[in-house]
Amino acid sequence: MKWLQKLPGSMRSPAGTEWWVWRKLPWIGLLGTLVPLGGLVATHLVMGSNGSDSEARALHLANYICVAVILFNWTMVITAGIGCVIVMVMKGPGYVADSYRVSHSEAPRAEIESDEEADQYRSGSWASKQK
């Protein structure tokens, strides 16, 4: 069975903002990590480690805030990346799916199909009759 057979006559949509965002994501992730770390290093240099208890608490809080900002940035970069991939796939060419007989068509059956009929439909022999 061949997967992802292109639909004949399908066209790709032109690339849009998703490619621009996709190319910027590594830089956004890197800057979103380095800027909070730089601020944390500056905070530690200014406040020092010989301060009072309140300064130690402030440094501890700054550490937590820095980790939170970095994790939030990574989460947003990954989420934007997933969104870009989804848009890229949706703008790509169309693909043929396996045919599947819908049992709840506009004219539903009066009785339930037998196991033999269901096996016949699953084996694909009905598809050749449809063409």
N, C-alpha and C. Protein backbone atom coordinates (compact mmCIF):
# COMPACT_ATOMS: atom_id res chain seq x y z
N MET A 1 0.85 -1.18 0.00
CA MET A 1 0.00 0.00 0.00
C MET A 1 0.89 1.23 0.00
N LYS A 2 0.64 2.13 -0.94
CA LYS A 2 1.42 3.36 -1.02
C LYS A 2 0.76 4.43 -0.14
N TRP A 3 1.56 5.08 0.65
CA TRP A 3 1.08 6.14 1.51
C TRP A 3 1.29 7.47 0.81
N LEU A 4 0.44 8.41 1.09
CA LEU A 4 0.55 9.79 0.62
C LEU A 4 0.67 9.87 -0.90
N GLN A 5 -0.33 9.35 -1.60
CA GLN A 5 -0.40 9.49 -3.05
C GLN A 5 -1.01 10.85 -3.35
N LYS A 6 -0.30 11.64 -4.16
CA LYS A 6 -0.79 12.98 -4.46
C LYS A 6 -2.06 12.92 -5.29
N LEU A 7 -2.98 13.79 -4.96
CA LEU A 7 -4.24 13.89 -5.67
C LEU A 7 -3.97 14.54 -7.02
N PRO A 8 -4.38 13.91 -8.11
CA PRO A 8 -4.11 14.51 -9.43
C PRO A 8 -4.79 15.86 -9.56
N GLY A 9 -4.06 16.81 -10.08
CA GLY A 9 -4.61 18.14 -10.30
C GLY A 9 -4.61 19.04 -9.09
N SER A 10 -4.07 18.58 -7.97
CA SER A 10 -4.05 19.44 -6.78
C SER A 10 -2.92 20.45 -6.89
N MET A 11 -3.12 21.59 -6.30
CA MET A 11 -2.13 22.67 -6.37
C MET A 11 -1.71 23.06 -4.96
N ARG A 12 -0.47 23.51 -4.85
CA ARG A 12 0.02 24.03 -3.58
C ARG A 12 -0.39 25.49 -3.45
N SER A 13 -0.72 25.88 -2.26
CA SER A 13 -1.00 27.30 -2.01
C SER A 13 0.32 28.02 -1.84
N PRO A 14 0.36 29.30 -2.17
CA PRO A 14 1.63 30.03 -2.02
C PRO A 14 2.04 30.14 -0.56
N ALA A 15 3.35 30.15 -0.36
CA ALA A 15 3.89 30.27 1.00
C ALA A 15 3.52 31.63 1.58
N GLY A 16 3.30 31.64 2.86
CA GLY A 16 2.90 32.87 3.52
C GLY A 16 3.76 33.16 4.73
N THR A 17 3.14 33.71 5.74
CA THR A 17 3.83 34.13 6.95
C THR A 17 4.42 32.96 7.72
N GLU A 18 3.88 31.74 7.52
CA GLU A 18 4.36 30.59 8.28
C GLU A 18 5.84 30.31 8.04
N TRP A 19 6.32 30.53 6.82
CA TRP A 19 7.74 30.30 6.54
C TRP A 19 8.61 31.38 7.19
N TRP A 20 8.12 32.61 7.19
CA TRP A 20 8.86 33.69 7.85
C TRP A 20 8.98 33.41 9.34
N VAL A 21 7.88 33.00 9.96
CA VAL A 21 7.90 32.67 11.39
C VAL A 21 8.79 31.45 11.64
N TRP A 22 8.69 30.42 10.79
CA TRP A 22 9.47 29.18 10.94
C TRP A 22 10.97 29.48 10.95
N ARG A 23 11.40 30.39 10.06
CA ARG A 23 12.83 30.73 9.99
C ARG A 23 13.29 31.55 11.20
N LYS A 24 12.40 32.29 11.82
CA LYS A 24 12.75 33.13 12.97
C LYS A 24 12.72 32.37 14.30
N LEU A 25 12.06 31.23 14.34
CA LEU A 25 11.88 30.52 15.61
C LEU A 25 13.19 30.16 16.32
N PRO A 26 14.24 29.68 15.64
CA PRO A 26 15.48 29.40 16.37
C PRO A 26 16.06 30.64 17.05
N TRP A 27 16.01 31.76 16.36
CA TRP A 27 16.53 33.00 16.95
C TRP A 27 15.67 33.48 18.11
N ILE A 28 14.37 33.34 17.95
CA ILE A 28 13.46 33.73 19.04
C ILE A 28 13.72 32.85 20.27
N GLY A 29 13.90 31.55 20.04
CA GLY A 29 14.20 30.65 21.15
C GLY A 29 15.53 30.98 21.81
N LEU A 30 16.55 31.26 21.00
CA LEU A 30 17.87 31.58 21.54
C LEU A 30 17.85 32.90 22.32
N LEU A 31 17.28 33.93 21.72
CA LEU A 31 17.22 35.22 22.42
C LEU A 31 16.33 35.16 23.65
N GLY A 32 15.24 34.40 23.56
CA GLY A 32 14.35 34.25 24.70
C GLY A 32 14.98 33.48 25.85
N THR A 33 16.06 32.78 25.57
CA THR A 33 16.80 32.09 26.62
C THR A 33 17.94 32.95 27.15
N LEU A 34 18.67 33.59 26.23
CA LEU A 34 19.86 34.36 26.64
C LEU A 34 19.53 35.67 27.36
N VAL A 35 18.48 36.34 26.95
CA VAL A 35 18.14 37.63 27.59
C VAL A 35 17.76 37.43 29.07
N PRO A 36 16.89 36.50 29.42
CA PRO A 36 16.62 36.30 30.85
C PRO A 36 17.85 35.83 31.63
N LEU A 37 18.67 34.98 30.99
CA LEU A 37 19.89 34.54 31.68
C LEU A 37 20.85 35.70 31.89
N GLY A 38 20.95 36.58 30.91
CA GLY A 38 21.79 37.77 31.06
C GLY A 38 21.29 38.68 32.17
N GLY A 39 19.97 38.83 32.23
CA GLY A 39 19.40 39.63 33.32
C GLY A 39 19.63 38.99 34.68
N LEU A 40 19.58 37.68 34.73
CA LEU A 40 19.82 36.97 35.99
C LEU A 40 21.29 37.12 36.42
N VAL A 41 22.21 37.00 35.48
CA VAL A 41 23.63 37.18 35.80
C VAL A 41 23.87 38.60 36.29
N ALA A 42 23.27 39.59 35.63
CA ALA A 42 23.43 40.98 36.06
C ALA A 42 22.86 41.19 37.46
N THR A 43 21.72 40.58 37.73
CA THR A 43 21.12 40.69 39.07
C THR A 43 22.03 40.10 40.13
N HIS A 44 22.62 38.95 39.82
CA HIS A 44 23.53 38.32 40.78
C HIS A 44 24.80 39.15 40.98
N LEU A 45 25.29 39.79 39.91
CA LEU A 45 26.49 40.61 40.04
C LEU A 45 26.21 41.88 40.85
N VAL A 46 25.06 42.48 40.64
CA VAL A 46 24.73 43.72 41.35
C VAL A 46 24.44 43.46 42.82
N MET A 47 23.63 42.44 43.09
CA MET A 47 23.22 42.19 44.46
C MET A 47 24.30 41.46 45.25
N GLY A 48 25.09 40.63 44.58
CA GLY A 48 26.13 39.88 45.29
C GLY A 48 25.54 38.79 46.17
N SER A 49 26.43 38.04 46.79
CA SER A 49 25.97 36.94 47.63
C SER A 49 26.16 37.23 49.12
N ASN A 50 26.65 38.39 49.49
CA ASN A 50 26.89 38.72 50.90
C ASN A 50 25.81 39.63 51.47
N GLY A 51 24.65 39.64 50.86
CA GLY A 51 23.59 40.54 51.29
C GLY A 51 22.79 39.99 52.45
N SER A 52 21.76 40.72 52.77
CA SER A 52 20.89 40.33 53.87
C SER A 52 19.94 39.21 53.43
N ASP A 53 19.09 38.82 54.36
CA ASP A 53 18.11 37.78 54.05
C ASP A 53 17.13 38.23 52.97
N SER A 54 16.74 39.49 53.01
CA SER A 54 15.78 39.97 52.01
C SER A 54 16.42 39.97 50.61
N GLU A 55 17.71 40.29 50.52
CA GLU A 55 18.40 40.24 49.22
C GLU A 55 18.53 38.80 48.73
N ALA A 56 18.79 37.88 49.66
CA ALA A 56 18.88 36.47 49.29
C ALA A 56 17.54 35.96 48.77
N ARG A 57 16.46 36.40 49.42
CA ARG A 57 15.13 36.01 48.94
C ARG A 57 14.84 36.60 47.57
N ALA A 58 15.26 37.85 47.36
CA ALA A 58 15.06 38.49 46.06
C ALA A 58 15.84 37.76 44.96
N LEU A 59 17.07 37.34 45.27
CA LEU A 59 17.85 36.58 44.30
C LEU A 59 17.19 35.22 44.00
N HIS A 60 16.71 34.60 45.04
CA HIS A 60 16.03 33.31 44.87
C HIS A 60 14.78 33.49 44.00
N LEU A 61 14.03 34.54 44.24
CA LEU A 61 12.84 34.84 43.44
C LEU A 61 13.24 35.14 41.99
N ALA A 62 14.34 35.87 41.81
CA ALA A 62 14.81 36.17 40.45
C ALA A 62 15.19 34.89 39.71
N ASN A 63 15.77 33.93 40.43
CA ASN A 63 16.09 32.64 39.80
C ASN A 63 14.82 31.95 39.30
N TYR A 64 13.80 31.91 40.13
CA TYR A 64 12.55 31.28 39.74
C TYR A 64 11.88 32.00 38.57
N ILE A 65 11.90 33.32 38.62
CA ILE A 65 11.29 34.10 37.53
C ILE A 65 12.04 33.85 36.23
N CYS A 66 13.35 33.78 36.28
CA CYS A 66 14.15 33.53 35.07
C CYS A 66 13.82 32.16 34.48
N VAL A 67 13.74 31.14 35.31
CA VAL A 67 13.39 29.80 34.83
C VAL A 67 11.99 29.81 34.24
N ALA A 68 11.06 30.49 34.87
CA ALA A 68 9.68 30.55 34.37
C ALA A 68 9.62 31.25 33.01
N VAL A 69 10.35 32.35 32.87
CA VAL A 69 10.34 33.08 31.59
C VAL A 69 10.95 32.22 30.49
N ILE A 70 12.04 31.53 30.77
CA ILE A 70 12.68 30.68 29.77
C ILE A 70 11.76 29.52 29.38
N LEU A 71 11.14 28.87 30.34
CA LEU A 71 10.23 27.77 30.02
C LEU A 71 9.01 28.26 29.23
N PHE A 72 8.50 29.43 29.59
CA PHE A 72 7.38 30.00 28.84
C PHE A 72 7.80 30.28 27.41
N ASN A 73 8.99 30.84 27.21
CA ASN A 73 9.49 31.13 25.87
C ASN A 73 9.62 29.85 25.05
N TRP A 74 10.21 28.80 25.63
CA TRP A 74 10.36 27.54 24.92
C TRP A 74 8.99 26.97 24.55
N THR A 75 8.03 27.06 25.47
CA THR A 75 6.70 26.56 25.19
C THR A 75 6.06 27.31 24.03
N MET A 76 6.20 28.62 24.00
CA MET A 76 5.62 29.40 22.91
C MET A 76 6.33 29.12 21.59
N VAL A 77 7.64 28.93 21.61
CA VAL A 77 8.38 28.62 20.38
C VAL A 77 7.93 27.26 19.83
N ILE A 78 7.79 26.28 20.69
CA ILE A 78 7.34 24.95 20.26
C ILE A 78 5.91 25.02 19.73
N THR A 79 5.04 25.77 20.41
CA THR A 79 3.66 25.90 19.96
C THR A 79 3.58 26.59 18.61
N ALA A 80 4.35 27.65 18.43
CA ALA A 80 4.37 28.35 17.13
C ALA A 80 4.94 27.43 16.05
N GLY A 81 5.95 26.63 16.39
CA GLY A 81 6.51 25.69 15.43
C GLY A 81 5.50 24.66 14.99
N ILE A 82 4.73 24.13 15.93
CA ILE A 82 3.68 23.16 15.59
C ILE A 82 2.64 23.82 14.68
N GLY A 83 2.28 25.05 14.99
CA GLY A 83 1.32 25.77 14.15
C GLY A 83 1.86 25.98 12.74
N CYS A 84 3.14 26.31 12.62
CA CYS A 84 3.75 26.50 11.30
C CYS A 84 3.73 25.20 10.50
N VAL A 85 4.07 24.10 11.14
CA VAL A 85 4.07 22.81 10.45
C VAL A 85 2.66 22.46 9.98
N ILE A 86 1.67 22.70 10.81
CA ILE A 86 0.28 22.40 10.42
C ILE A 86 -0.11 23.23 9.20
N VAL A 87 0.23 24.52 9.20
CA VAL A 87 -0.12 25.37 8.06
C VAL A 87 0.63 24.93 6.82
N MET A 88 1.91 24.55 6.95
CA MET A 88 2.68 24.08 5.80
C MET A 88 2.06 22.83 5.19
N VAL A 89 1.66 21.90 6.04
CA VAL A 89 1.04 20.66 5.54
C VAL A 89 -0.30 20.98 4.88
N MET A 90 -1.08 21.85 5.48
CA MET A 90 -2.39 22.16 4.92
C MET A 90 -2.29 22.92 3.60
N LYS A 91 -1.21 23.69 3.40
CA LYS A 91 -1.03 24.42 2.14
C LYS A 91 -0.39 23.56 1.07
N GLY A 92 0.09 22.40 1.43
CA GLY A 92 0.76 21.53 0.47
C GLY A 92 -0.23 20.90 -0.50
N PRO A 93 0.26 20.00 -1.35
CA PRO A 93 -0.64 19.36 -2.31
C PRO A 93 -1.63 18.44 -1.60
N GLY A 94 -2.74 18.19 -2.26
CA GLY A 94 -3.74 17.29 -1.70
C GLY A 94 -3.31 15.84 -1.88
N TYR A 95 -3.74 15.00 -0.99
CA TYR A 95 -3.40 13.58 -1.05
C TYR A 95 -4.66 12.74 -1.08
N VAL A 96 -4.58 11.61 -1.75
CA VAL A 96 -5.70 10.69 -1.86
C VAL A 96 -5.76 9.84 -0.60
N ALA A 97 -6.91 9.76 -0.02
CA ALA A 97 -7.10 8.88 1.14
C ALA A 97 -7.66 7.55 0.66
N ASP A 98 -7.57 6.54 1.49
CA ASP A 98 -8.18 5.27 1.16
C ASP A 98 -9.69 5.47 1.10
N SER A 99 -10.29 4.83 0.12
CA SER A 99 -11.75 4.95 0.01
C SER A 99 -12.40 4.20 1.16
N TYR A 100 -13.48 4.74 1.63
CA TYR A 100 -14.18 4.14 2.75
C TYR A 100 -15.66 4.33 2.53
N ARG A 101 -16.39 3.26 2.50
CA ARG A 101 -17.82 3.31 2.26
C ARG A 101 -18.53 3.86 3.50
N VAL A 102 -19.32 4.86 3.32
CA VAL A 102 -20.04 5.48 4.43
C VAL A 102 -21.34 4.74 4.64
N SER A 103 -21.55 4.27 5.85
CA SER A 103 -22.75 3.50 6.12
C SER A 103 -23.96 4.39 6.39
N HIS A 104 -23.74 5.63 6.74
CA HIS A 104 -24.86 6.51 7.03
C HIS A 104 -25.07 7.50 5.88
N SER A 105 -25.25 6.95 4.69
CA SER A 105 -25.43 7.79 3.51
C SER A 105 -26.81 8.44 3.53
N GLU A 106 -27.14 9.10 2.44
CA GLU A 106 -28.42 9.80 2.38
C GLU A 106 -29.61 8.84 2.39
N ALA A 107 -29.37 7.60 1.99
CA ALA A 107 -30.43 6.59 2.03
C ALA A 107 -29.95 5.44 2.91
N PRO A 108 -30.17 5.51 4.22
CA PRO A 108 -29.67 4.47 5.12
C PRO A 108 -30.31 3.12 4.82
N ARG A 109 -29.59 2.08 5.19
CA ARG A 109 -30.10 0.72 4.99
C ARG A 109 -31.27 0.44 5.94
N ALA A 110 -32.15 -0.42 5.48
CA ALA A 110 -33.27 -0.82 6.34
C ALA A 110 -32.82 -1.91 7.30
N GLU A 111 -31.86 -2.75 6.86
CA GLU A 111 -31.37 -3.83 7.73
C GLU A 111 -29.84 -3.73 7.84
N ILE A 112 -29.32 -4.36 8.87
CA ILE A 112 -27.88 -4.35 9.13
C ILE A 112 -27.20 -5.28 8.13
N GLU A 113 -26.03 -4.85 7.62
CA GLU A 113 -25.32 -5.68 6.66
C GLU A 113 -24.75 -6.92 7.33
N SER A 114 -24.61 -7.97 6.55
CA SER A 114 -24.09 -9.23 7.09
C SER A 114 -22.57 -9.17 7.20
N ASP A 115 -22.00 -10.13 7.91
CA ASP A 115 -20.55 -10.19 8.05
C ASP A 115 -19.87 -10.39 6.70
N GLU A 116 -20.49 -11.16 5.81
CA GLU A 116 -19.92 -11.41 4.48
C GLU A 116 -19.86 -10.11 3.67
N GLU A 117 -20.94 -9.32 3.74
CA GLU A 117 -20.95 -8.04 3.02
C GLU A 117 -19.88 -7.10 3.58
N ALA A 118 -19.77 -7.06 4.88
CA ALA A 118 -18.77 -6.20 5.50
C ALA A 118 -17.36 -6.63 5.11
N ASP A 119 -17.10 -7.95 5.10
CA ASP A 119 -15.78 -8.44 4.69
C ASP A 119 -15.50 -8.10 3.23
N GLN A 120 -16.53 -8.17 2.40
CA GLN A 120 -16.36 -7.83 0.99
C GLN A 120 -15.98 -6.36 0.85
N TYR A 121 -16.61 -5.48 1.62
CA TYR A 121 -16.29 -4.06 1.55
C TYR A 121 -14.90 -3.77 2.10
N ARG A 122 -14.51 -4.47 3.16
CA ARG A 122 -13.19 -4.26 3.76
C ARG A 122 -12.08 -4.73 2.85
N SER A 123 -12.33 -5.80 2.08
CA SER A 123 -11.29 -6.35 1.21
C SER A 123 -11.03 -5.46 0.01
N GLY A 124 -11.94 -4.57 -0.29
CA GLY A 124 -11.72 -3.63 -1.39
C GLY A 124 -12.35 -4.08 -2.69
N SER A 125 -13.00 -5.23 -2.73
CA SER A 125 -13.59 -5.69 -3.98
C SER A 125 -14.75 -4.80 -4.42
N TRP A 126 -15.39 -4.12 -3.49
CA TRP A 126 -16.48 -3.22 -3.86
C TRP A 126 -15.97 -1.97 -4.56
N ALA A 127 -14.71 -1.57 -4.26
CA ALA A 127 -14.16 -0.37 -4.86
C ALA A 127 -13.98 -0.56 -6.35
N SER A 128 -13.57 -1.76 -6.77
CA SER A 128 -13.39 -2.00 -8.20
C SER A 128 -14.74 -1.99 -8.90
N LYS A 129 -15.80 -2.38 -8.24
CA LYS A 129 -17.14 -2.36 -8.83
C LYS A 129 -17.65 -0.93 -8.96
N GLN A 130 -17.19 -0.04 -8.07
CA GLN A 130 -17.67 1.34 -8.08
C GLN A 130 -17.12 2.13 -9.26
N LYS A 131 -15.94 1.76 -9.73
CA LYS A 131 -15.26 2.55 -10.79
C LYS A 131 -15.79 2.27 -12.15
